[in-house]
Full PDB file with SEQRES, HELIX, SHEET, SSBOND, CRYST1, ORIGX, SCALE, CONECT and MASTER records, all heavy atoms in Angstrom:
SEQRES   1 A   33  PHE MET GLN GLN PRO TRP THR GLY PHE THR VAL GLN ILE          
SEQRES   2 A   33  SER PHE VAL LYS GLY TRP GLY GLN CYS TYR THR ARG GLN          
SEQRES   3 A   33  PHE ILE SER SER CYS PRO CYS                                  
HELIX    1 AA1 ILE A   28  SER A   30  5                                   3    
CRYST1    1.000    1.000    1.000  90.00  90.00  90.00 P 1           1          
ORIGX1      1.000000  0.000000  0.000000        0.00000                         
ORIGX2      0.000000  1.000000  0.000000        0.00000                         
ORIGX3      0.000000  0.000000  1.000000        0.00000                         
SCALE1      1.000000  0.000000  0.000000        0.00000                         
SCALE2      0.000000  1.000000  0.000000        0.00000                         
SCALE3      0.000000  0.000000  1.000000        0.00000                         
ATOM      1  N   PHE A   1       4.454  10.800   2.381  1.00  0.00           N  
ATOM      2  CA  PHE A   1       4.254  11.872   3.357  1.00  0.00           C  
ATOM      3  C   PHE A   1       4.652  11.412   4.752  1.00  0.00           C  
ATOM      4  O   PHE A   1       5.249  12.145   5.508  1.00  0.00           O  
ATOM      5  CB  PHE A   1       2.775  12.308   3.321  1.00  0.00           C  
ATOM      6  CG  PHE A   1       2.467  13.438   4.277  1.00  0.00           C  
ATOM      7  CD1 PHE A   1       2.771  14.738   3.949  1.00  0.00           C  
ATOM      8  CD2 PHE A   1       1.818  13.192   5.480  1.00  0.00           C  
ATOM      9  CE1 PHE A   1       2.486  15.776   4.795  1.00  0.00           C  
ATOM     10  CE2 PHE A   1       1.523  14.220   6.326  1.00  0.00           C  
ATOM     11  CZ  PHE A   1       1.857  15.516   6.008  1.00  0.00           C  
ATOM     12  N   MET A   2       4.302  10.190   5.093  1.00  0.00           N  
ATOM     13  CA  MET A   2       4.620   9.662   6.424  1.00  0.00           C  
ATOM     14  C   MET A   2       6.092   9.402   6.641  1.00  0.00           C  
ATOM     15  O   MET A   2       6.567   9.377   7.756  1.00  0.00           O  
ATOM     16  CB  MET A   2       3.805   8.359   6.691  1.00  0.00           C  
ATOM     17  CG  MET A   2       2.321   8.503   6.609  1.00  0.00           C  
ATOM     18  SD  MET A   2       1.673   9.695   7.802  1.00  0.00           S  
ATOM     19  CE  MET A   2       1.680   8.679   9.258  1.00  0.00           C  
ATOM     20  N   GLN A   3       6.863   9.256   5.564  1.00  0.00           N  
ATOM     21  CA  GLN A   3       8.276   9.002   5.684  1.00  0.00           C  
ATOM     22  C   GLN A   3       9.121  10.251   5.765  1.00  0.00           C  
ATOM     23  O   GLN A   3      10.309  10.183   6.011  1.00  0.00           O  
ATOM     24  CB  GLN A   3       8.772   8.156   4.461  1.00  0.00           C  
ATOM     25  CG  GLN A   3       8.079   6.790   4.344  1.00  0.00           C  
ATOM     26  CD  GLN A   3       8.257   5.973   5.638  1.00  0.00           C  
ATOM     27  OE1 GLN A   3       9.349   5.867   6.178  1.00  0.00           O  
ATOM     28  NE2 GLN A   3       7.158   5.407   6.103  1.00  0.00           N  
ATOM     29  N   GLN A   4       8.494  11.405   5.533  1.00  0.00           N  
ATOM     30  CA  GLN A   4       9.235  12.669   5.558  1.00  0.00           C  
ATOM     31  C   GLN A   4       9.695  12.999   6.978  1.00  0.00           C  
ATOM     32  O   GLN A   4       8.883  12.869   7.913  1.00  0.00           O  
ATOM     33  CB  GLN A   4       8.366  13.827   5.045  1.00  0.00           C  
ATOM     34  CG  GLN A   4       7.801  13.581   3.678  1.00  0.00           C  
ATOM     35  CD  GLN A   4       8.640  14.262   2.611  1.00  0.00           C  
ATOM     36  OE1 GLN A   4       9.384  15.163   2.921  1.00  0.00           O  
ATOM     37  NE2 GLN A   4       8.486  13.816   1.407  1.00  0.00           N  
ATOM     38  N   PRO A   5      10.936  13.427   7.186  1.00  0.00           N  
ATOM     39  CA  PRO A   5      11.363  13.780   8.536  1.00  0.00           C  
ATOM     40  C   PRO A   5      10.724  15.100   9.000  1.00  0.00           C  
ATOM     41  O   PRO A   5      10.524  15.312  10.163  1.00  0.00           O  
ATOM     42  CB  PRO A   5      12.869  13.968   8.403  1.00  0.00           C  
ATOM     43  CG  PRO A   5      13.100  14.210   6.949  1.00  0.00           C  
ATOM     44  CD  PRO A   5      11.984  13.518   6.224  1.00  0.00           C  
ATOM     45  N   TRP A   6      10.389  15.988   8.097  1.00  0.00           N  
ATOM     46  CA  TRP A   6       9.786  17.263   8.462  1.00  0.00           C  
ATOM     47  C   TRP A   6       8.268  17.106   8.264  1.00  0.00           C  
ATOM     48  O   TRP A   6       7.796  16.627   7.219  1.00  0.00           O  
ATOM     49  CB  TRP A   6      10.321  18.335   7.501  1.00  0.00           C  
ATOM     50  CG  TRP A   6       9.841  19.705   7.877  1.00  0.00           C  
ATOM     51  CD1 TRP A   6      10.374  20.508   8.833  1.00  0.00           C  
ATOM     52  CD2 TRP A   6       8.747  20.405   7.319  1.00  0.00           C  
ATOM     53  NE1 TRP A   6       9.679  21.677   8.913  1.00  0.00           N  
ATOM     54  CE2 TRP A   6       8.688  21.622   7.987  1.00  0.00           C  
ATOM     55  CE3 TRP A   6       7.831  20.111   6.347  1.00  0.00           C  
ATOM     56  CZ2 TRP A   6       7.709  22.585   7.688  1.00  0.00           C  
ATOM     57  CZ3 TRP A   6       6.872  21.065   6.066  1.00  0.00           C  
ATOM     58  CH2 TRP A   6       6.834  22.273   6.727  1.00  0.00           C  
ATOM     59  N   THR A   7       7.490  17.475   9.243  1.00  0.00           N  
ATOM     60  CA  THR A   7       6.048  17.291   9.186  1.00  0.00           C  
ATOM     61  C   THR A   7       5.341  18.632   9.200  1.00  0.00           C  
ATOM     62  O   THR A   7       5.958  19.668   9.410  1.00  0.00           O  
ATOM     63  CB  THR A   7       5.548  16.482  10.386  1.00  0.00           C  
ATOM     64  OG1 THR A   7       5.648  17.298  11.558  1.00  0.00           O  
ATOM     65  CG2 THR A   7       6.295  15.192  10.561  1.00  0.00           C  
ATOM     66  N   GLY A   8       4.048  18.591   9.010  1.00  0.00           N  
ATOM     67  CA  GLY A   8       3.237  19.799   9.111  1.00  0.00           C  
ATOM     68  C   GLY A   8       3.134  20.356  10.480  1.00  0.00           C  
ATOM     69  O   GLY A   8       2.591  21.413  10.715  1.00  0.00           O  
ATOM     70  N   PHE A   9       3.695  19.646  11.481  1.00  0.00           N  
ATOM     71  CA  PHE A   9       3.646  20.107  12.852  1.00  0.00           C  
ATOM     72  C   PHE A   9       4.965  20.745  13.298  1.00  0.00           C  
ATOM     73  O   PHE A   9       5.299  20.792  14.476  1.00  0.00           O  
ATOM     74  CB  PHE A   9       3.267  18.952  13.792  1.00  0.00           C  
ATOM     75  CG  PHE A   9       1.796  18.608  13.711  1.00  0.00           C  
ATOM     76  CD1 PHE A   9       1.335  17.713  12.770  1.00  0.00           C  
ATOM     77  CD2 PHE A   9       0.858  19.240  14.512  1.00  0.00           C  
ATOM     78  CE1 PHE A   9      -0.027  17.412  12.660  1.00  0.00           C  
ATOM     79  CE2 PHE A   9      -0.470  18.983  14.418  1.00  0.00           C  
ATOM     80  CZ  PHE A   9      -0.927  18.077  13.492  1.00  0.00           C  
ATOM     81  N   THR A  10       5.747  21.185  12.329  1.00  0.00           N  
ATOM     82  CA  THR A  10       7.045  21.837  12.631  1.00  0.00           C  
ATOM     83  C   THR A  10       7.105  23.195  11.937  1.00  0.00           C  
ATOM     84  O   THR A  10       6.656  23.326  10.794  1.00  0.00           O  
ATOM     85  CB  THR A  10       8.205  20.959  12.092  1.00  0.00           C  
ATOM     86  OG1 THR A  10       8.113  19.669  12.722  1.00  0.00           O  
ATOM     87  CG2 THR A  10       9.552  21.560  12.420  1.00  0.00           C  
ATOM     88  N   VAL A  11       7.663  24.140  12.669  1.00  0.00           N  
ATOM     89  CA  VAL A  11       7.866  25.491  12.123  1.00  0.00           C  
ATOM     90  C   VAL A  11       9.375  25.787  12.292  1.00  0.00           C  
ATOM     91  O   VAL A  11       9.950  25.469  13.318  1.00  0.00           O  
ATOM     92  CB  VAL A  11       7.033  26.545  12.845  1.00  0.00           C  
ATOM     93  CG1 VAL A  11       7.421  27.963  12.452  1.00  0.00           C  
ATOM     94  CG2 VAL A  11       5.561  26.356  12.560  1.00  0.00           C  
ATOM     95  N   GLN A  12       9.970  26.378  11.279  1.00  0.00           N  
ATOM     96  CA  GLN A  12      11.352  26.774  11.344  1.00  0.00           C  
ATOM     97  C   GLN A  12      11.418  28.303  11.322  1.00  0.00           C  
ATOM     98  O   GLN A  12      10.735  28.945  10.533  1.00  0.00           O  
ATOM     99  CB  GLN A  12      12.160  26.209  10.148  1.00  0.00           C  
ATOM    100  CG  GLN A  12      12.138  24.677  10.116  1.00  0.00           C  
ATOM    101  CD  GLN A  12      12.668  24.128   8.807  1.00  0.00           C  
ATOM    102  OE1 GLN A  12      12.475  24.714   7.752  1.00  0.00           O  
ATOM    103  NE2 GLN A  12      13.370  23.032   8.875  1.00  0.00           N  
ATOM    104  N   ILE A  13      12.291  28.849  12.208  1.00  0.00           N  
ATOM    105  CA  ILE A  13      12.399  30.288  12.377  1.00  0.00           C  
ATOM    106  C   ILE A  13      13.885  30.642  12.404  1.00  0.00           C  
ATOM    107  O   ILE A  13      14.624  30.122  13.208  1.00  0.00           O  
ATOM    108  CB  ILE A  13      11.738  30.795  13.658  1.00  0.00           C  
ATOM    109  CG1 ILE A  13      10.270  30.373  13.726  1.00  0.00           C  
ATOM    110  CG2 ILE A  13      11.897  32.315  13.806  1.00  0.00           C  
ATOM    111  CD1 ILE A  13       9.609  30.595  15.058  1.00  0.00           C  
ATOM    112  N   SER A  14      14.310  31.535  11.537  1.00  0.00           N  
ATOM    113  CA  SER A  14      15.715  32.022  11.596  1.00  0.00           C  
ATOM    114  C   SER A  14      15.735  33.473  12.016  1.00  0.00           C  
ATOM    115  O   SER A  14      14.817  34.234  11.729  1.00  0.00           O  
ATOM    116  CB  SER A  14      16.432  31.825  10.253  1.00  0.00           C  
ATOM    117  OG  SER A  14      15.919  32.689   9.282  1.00  0.00           O  
ATOM    118  N   PHE A  15      16.819  33.807  12.685  1.00  0.00           N  
ATOM    119  CA  PHE A  15      17.047  35.190  13.142  1.00  0.00           C  
ATOM    120  C   PHE A  15      17.944  35.941  12.155  1.00  0.00           C  
ATOM    121  O   PHE A  15      18.959  35.406  11.742  1.00  0.00           O  
ATOM    122  CB  PHE A  15      17.696  35.209  14.512  1.00  0.00           C  
ATOM    123  CG  PHE A  15      16.844  34.652  15.615  1.00  0.00           C  
ATOM    124  CD1 PHE A  15      17.049  33.333  16.023  1.00  0.00           C  
ATOM    125  CD2 PHE A  15      15.874  35.379  16.198  1.00  0.00           C  
ATOM    126  CE1 PHE A  15      16.246  32.812  17.082  1.00  0.00           C  
ATOM    127  CE2 PHE A  15      15.059  34.871  17.238  1.00  0.00           C  
ATOM    128  CZ  PHE A  15      15.285  33.593  17.655  1.00  0.00           C  
ATOM    129  N   VAL A  16      17.569  37.128  11.756  1.00  0.00           N  
ATOM    130  CA  VAL A  16      18.366  38.072  10.971  1.00  0.00           C  
ATOM    131  C   VAL A  16      18.579  37.604   9.511  1.00  0.00           C  
ATOM    132  O   VAL A  16      18.435  38.426   8.598  1.00  0.00           O  
ATOM    133  CB  VAL A  16      19.740  38.375  11.656  1.00  0.00           C  
ATOM    134  CG1 VAL A  16      20.513  39.418  10.883  1.00  0.00           C  
ATOM    135  CG2 VAL A  16      19.537  38.807  13.107  1.00  0.00           C  
ATOM    136  N   LYS A  17      18.959  36.397   9.248  1.00  0.00           N  
ATOM    137  CA  LYS A  17      19.286  35.896   7.905  1.00  0.00           C  
ATOM    138  C   LYS A  17      18.209  34.979   7.419  1.00  0.00           C  
ATOM    139  O   LYS A  17      17.747  34.067   8.107  1.00  0.00           O  
ATOM    140  CB  LYS A  17      20.625  35.150   7.905  1.00  0.00           C  
ATOM    141  CG  LYS A  17      21.815  35.943   8.438  1.00  0.00           C  
ATOM    142  CD  LYS A  17      22.149  37.073   7.470  1.00  0.00           C  
ATOM    143  CE  LYS A  17      23.414  37.819   7.937  1.00  0.00           C  
ATOM    144  NZ  LYS A  17      23.721  38.921   7.084  1.00  0.00           N  
ATOM    145  N   GLY A  18      17.796  35.184   6.146  1.00  0.00           N  
ATOM    146  CA  GLY A  18      16.774  34.362   5.526  1.00  0.00           C  
ATOM    147  C   GLY A  18      17.373  33.237   4.730  1.00  0.00           C  
ATOM    148  O   GLY A  18      18.576  33.119   4.531  1.00  0.00           O  
ATOM    149  N   TRP A  19      16.483  32.367   4.217  1.00  0.00           N  
ATOM    150  CA  TRP A  19      16.920  31.249   3.399  1.00  0.00           C  
ATOM    151  C   TRP A  19      15.796  30.950   2.380  1.00  0.00           C  
ATOM    152  O   TRP A  19      14.691  31.446   2.475  1.00  0.00           O  
ATOM    153  CB  TRP A  19      17.252  30.020   4.236  1.00  0.00           C  
ATOM    154  CG  TRP A  19      16.102  29.201   4.670  1.00  0.00           C  
ATOM    155  CD1 TRP A  19      15.634  28.079   4.084  1.00  0.00           C  
ATOM    156  CD2 TRP A  19      15.217  29.461   5.760  1.00  0.00           C  
ATOM    157  NE1 TRP A  19      14.535  27.580   4.748  1.00  0.00           N  
ATOM    158  CE2 TRP A  19      14.243  28.413   5.771  1.00  0.00           C  
ATOM    159  CE3 TRP A  19      15.103  30.456   6.713  1.00  0.00           C  
ATOM    160  CZ2 TRP A  19      13.203  28.364   6.721  1.00  0.00           C  
ATOM    161  CZ3 TRP A  19      14.092  30.398   7.628  1.00  0.00           C  
ATOM    162  CH2 TRP A  19      13.154  29.374   7.650  1.00  0.00           C  
ATOM    163  N   GLY A  20      16.085  30.101   1.419  1.00  0.00           N  
ATOM    164  CA  GLY A  20      15.082  29.679   0.450  1.00  0.00           C  
ATOM    165  C   GLY A  20      15.358  30.250  -0.928  1.00  0.00           C  
ATOM    166  O   GLY A  20      16.435  30.694  -1.258  1.00  0.00           O  
ATOM    167  N   GLN A  21      14.304  30.225  -1.758  1.00  0.00           N  
ATOM    168  CA  GLN A  21      14.419  30.578  -3.181  1.00  0.00           C  
ATOM    169  C   GLN A  21      14.961  31.985  -3.376  1.00  0.00           C  
ATOM    170  O   GLN A  21      15.617  32.238  -4.369  1.00  0.00           O  
ATOM    171  CB  GLN A  21      13.011  30.476  -3.832  1.00  0.00           C  
ATOM    172  CG  GLN A  21      12.498  29.058  -3.889  1.00  0.00           C  
ATOM    173  CD  GLN A  21      11.084  29.028  -4.424  1.00  0.00           C  
ATOM    174  OE1 GLN A  21      10.369  30.033  -4.424  1.00  0.00           O  
ATOM    175  NE2 GLN A  21      10.703  27.870  -4.930  1.00  0.00           N  
ATOM    176  N   CYS A  22      14.640  32.922  -2.513  1.00  0.00           N  
ATOM    177  CA  CYS A  22      15.009  34.319  -2.719  1.00  0.00           C  
ATOM    178  C   CYS A  22      16.339  34.690  -2.059  1.00  0.00           C  
ATOM    179  O   CYS A  22      16.721  35.889  -2.051  1.00  0.00           O  
ATOM    180  CB  CYS A  22      13.926  35.239  -2.181  1.00  0.00           C  
ATOM    181  SG  CYS A  22      12.329  34.994  -2.955  1.00  0.00           S  
ATOM    182  N   TYR A  23      17.050  33.710  -1.540  1.00  0.00           N  
ATOM    183  CA  TYR A  23      18.270  33.994  -0.782  1.00  0.00           C  
ATOM    184  C   TYR A  23      19.422  33.098  -1.258  1.00  0.00           C  
ATOM    185  O   TYR A  23      19.220  32.088  -1.852  1.00  0.00           O  
ATOM    186  CB  TYR A  23      18.057  33.752   0.731  1.00  0.00           C  
ATOM    187  CG  TYR A  23      16.998  34.669   1.288  1.00  0.00           C  
ATOM    188  CD1 TYR A  23      15.639  34.269   1.292  1.00  0.00           C  
ATOM    189  CD2 TYR A  23      17.299  35.937   1.761  1.00  0.00           C  
ATOM    190  CE1 TYR A  23      14.648  35.119   1.778  1.00  0.00           C  
ATOM    191  CE2 TYR A  23      16.313  36.790   2.247  1.00  0.00           C  
ATOM    192  CZ  TYR A  23      15.019  36.370   2.259  1.00  0.00           C  
ATOM    193  OH  TYR A  23      14.042  37.211   2.732  1.00  0.00           O  
ATOM    194  N   THR A  24      20.642  33.551  -0.923  1.00  0.00           N  
ATOM    195  CA  THR A  24      21.798  32.723  -1.271  1.00  0.00           C  
ATOM    196  C   THR A  24      21.814  31.452  -0.449  1.00  0.00           C  
ATOM    197  O   THR A  24      22.370  30.445  -0.893  1.00  0.00           O  
ATOM    198  CB  THR A  24      23.128  33.517  -1.085  1.00  0.00           C  
ATOM    199  OG1 THR A  24      23.203  33.950   0.277  1.00  0.00           O  
ATOM    200  CG2 THR A  24      23.186  34.683  -2.016  1.00  0.00           C  
ATOM    201  N   ARG A  25      21.298  31.490   0.763  1.00  0.00           N  
ATOM    202  CA  ARG A  25      21.201  30.266   1.591  1.00  0.00           C  
ATOM    203  C   ARG A  25      19.936  29.525   1.155  1.00  0.00           C  
ATOM    204  O   ARG A  25      18.825  29.990   1.330  1.00  0.00           O  
ATOM    205  CB  ARG A  25      21.045  30.676   3.064  1.00  0.00           C  
ATOM    206  CG  ARG A  25      22.234  31.283   3.661  1.00  0.00           C  
ATOM    207  CD  ARG A  25      21.899  31.866   5.092  1.00  0.00           C  
ATOM    208  NE  ARG A  25      23.015  32.640   5.567  1.00  0.00           N  
ATOM    209  CZ  ARG A  25      23.241  33.880   5.233  1.00  0.00           C  
ATOM    210  NH1 ARG A  25      22.438  34.527   4.403  1.00  0.00           N  
ATOM    211  NH2 ARG A  25      24.288  34.547   5.714  1.00  0.00           N  
ATOM    212  N   GLN A  26      20.120  28.328   0.622  1.00  0.00           N  
ATOM    213  CA  GLN A  26      18.987  27.580   0.139  1.00  0.00           C  
ATOM    214  C   GLN A  26      18.285  26.777   1.274  1.00  0.00           C  
ATOM    215  O   GLN A  26      17.119  26.464   1.184  1.00  0.00           O  
ATOM    216  CB  GLN A  26      19.404  26.626  -0.986  1.00  0.00           C  
ATOM    217  CG  GLN A  26      19.792  27.369  -2.252  1.00  0.00           C  
ATOM    218  CD  GLN A  26      18.621  28.185  -2.815  1.00  0.00           C  
ATOM    219  OE1 GLN A  26      17.586  27.643  -3.131  1.00  0.00           O  
ATOM    220  NE2 GLN A  26      18.789  29.497  -2.851  1.00  0.00           N  
ATOM    221  N   PHE A  27      19.046  26.445   2.298  1.00  0.00           N  
ATOM    222  CA  PHE A  27      18.529  25.599   3.365  1.00  0.00           C  
ATOM    223  C   PHE A  27      18.683  26.318   4.720  1.00  0.00           C  
ATOM    224  O   PHE A  27      19.660  27.051   4.929  1.00  0.00           O  
ATOM    225  CB  PHE A  27      19.269  24.260   3.413  1.00  0.00           C  
ATOM    226  CG  PHE A  27      19.252  23.567   2.105  1.00  0.00           C  
ATOM    227  CD1 PHE A  27      20.348  23.604   1.246  1.00  0.00           C  
ATOM    228  CD2 PHE A  27      18.134  22.863   1.695  1.00  0.00           C  
ATOM    229  CE1 PHE A  27      20.324  22.962   0.015  1.00  0.00           C  
ATOM    230  CE2 PHE A  27      18.086  22.241   0.484  1.00  0.00           C  
ATOM    231  CZ  PHE A  27      19.197  22.278  -0.382  1.00  0.00           C  
ATOM    232  N   ILE A  28      17.776  26.070   5.617  1.00  0.00           N  
ATOM    233  CA  ILE A  28      17.860  26.701   6.927  1.00  0.00           C  
ATOM    234  C   ILE A  28      19.108  26.316   7.689  1.00  0.00           C  
ATOM    235  O   ILE A  28      19.634  27.096   8.465  1.00  0.00           O  
ATOM    236  CB  ILE A  28      16.613  26.437   7.798  1.00  0.00           C  
ATOM    237  CG1 ILE A  28      16.573  27.402   8.978  1.00  0.00           C  
ATOM    238  CG2 ILE A  28      16.528  24.954   8.219  1.00  0.00           C  
ATOM    239  CD1 ILE A  28      15.292  27.520   9.688  1.00  0.00           C  
ATOM    240  N   SER A  29      19.649  25.147   7.397  1.00  0.00           N  
ATOM    241  CA  SER A  29      20.885  24.710   8.078  1.00  0.00           C  
ATOM    242  C   SER A  29      22.096  25.558   7.665  1.00  0.00           C  
ATOM    243  O   SER A  29      23.170  25.428   8.259  1.00  0.00           O  
ATOM    244  CB  SER A  29      21.155  23.217   7.831  1.00  0.00           C  
ATOM    245  OG  SER A  29      21.244  22.980   6.441  1.00  0.00           O  
ATOM    246  N   SER A  30      21.929  26.429   6.707  1.00  0.00           N  
ATOM    247  CA  SER A  30      22.986  27.381   6.327  1.00  0.00           C  
ATOM    248  C   SER A  30      22.841  28.715   7.089  1.00  0.00           C  
ATOM    249  O   SER A  30      23.694  29.553   6.997  1.00  0.00           O  
ATOM    250  CB  SER A  30      22.929  27.663   4.831  1.00  0.00           C  
ATOM    251  OG  SER A  30      23.141  26.498   4.127  1.00  0.00           O  
ATOM    252  N   CYS A  31      21.718  28.872   7.817  1.00  0.00           N  
ATOM    253  CA  CYS A  31      21.523  30.095   8.611  1.00  0.00           C  
ATOM    254  C   CYS A  31      22.301  30.026   9.883  1.00  0.00           C  
ATOM    255  O   CYS A  31      22.414  28.967  10.498  1.00  0.00           O  
ATOM    256  CB  CYS A  31      20.035  30.264   8.931  1.00  0.00           C  
ATOM    257  SG  CYS A  31      19.018  30.664   7.477  1.00  0.00           S  
ATOM    258  N   PRO A  32      22.868  31.164  10.314  1.00  0.00           N  
ATOM    259  CA  PRO A  32      23.697  31.179  11.518  1.00  0.00           C  
ATOM    260  C   PRO A  32      22.974  30.773  12.774  1.00  0.00           C  
ATOM    261  O   PRO A  32      23.467  29.986  13.580  1.00  0.00           O  
ATOM    262  CB  PRO A  32      24.177  32.627  11.618  1.00  0.00           C  
ATOM    263  CG  PRO A  32      23.958  33.214  10.282  1.00  0.00           C  
ATOM    264  CD  PRO A  32      22.857  32.443   9.639  1.00  0.00           C  
ATOM    265  N   CYS A  33      21.751  31.283  13.016  1.00  0.00           N  
ATOM    266  CA  CYS A  33      21.006  31.031  14.219  1.00  0.00           C  
ATOM    267  C   CYS A  33      19.526  30.815  13.894  1.00  0.00           C  
ATOM    268  O   CYS A  33      18.916  31.665  13.278  1.00  0.00           O  
ATOM    269  CB  CYS A  33      21.098  32.228  15.181  1.00  0.00           C  
ATOM    270  SG  CYS A  33      22.803  32.630  15.629  1.00  0.00           S  
TER     271      CYS A  33                                                      
MASTER        0    0    0    1    0    0    0    6  270    1    0    3          
END                                                                             
């Protein structure tokens, strides 16, 4: 848990386009903005 770059103190927010299991974009880094 301590070695993970993403922590419980981070929130990711994308505009207009979603990502994840229900979307063609699997990762937020594929979102435009």
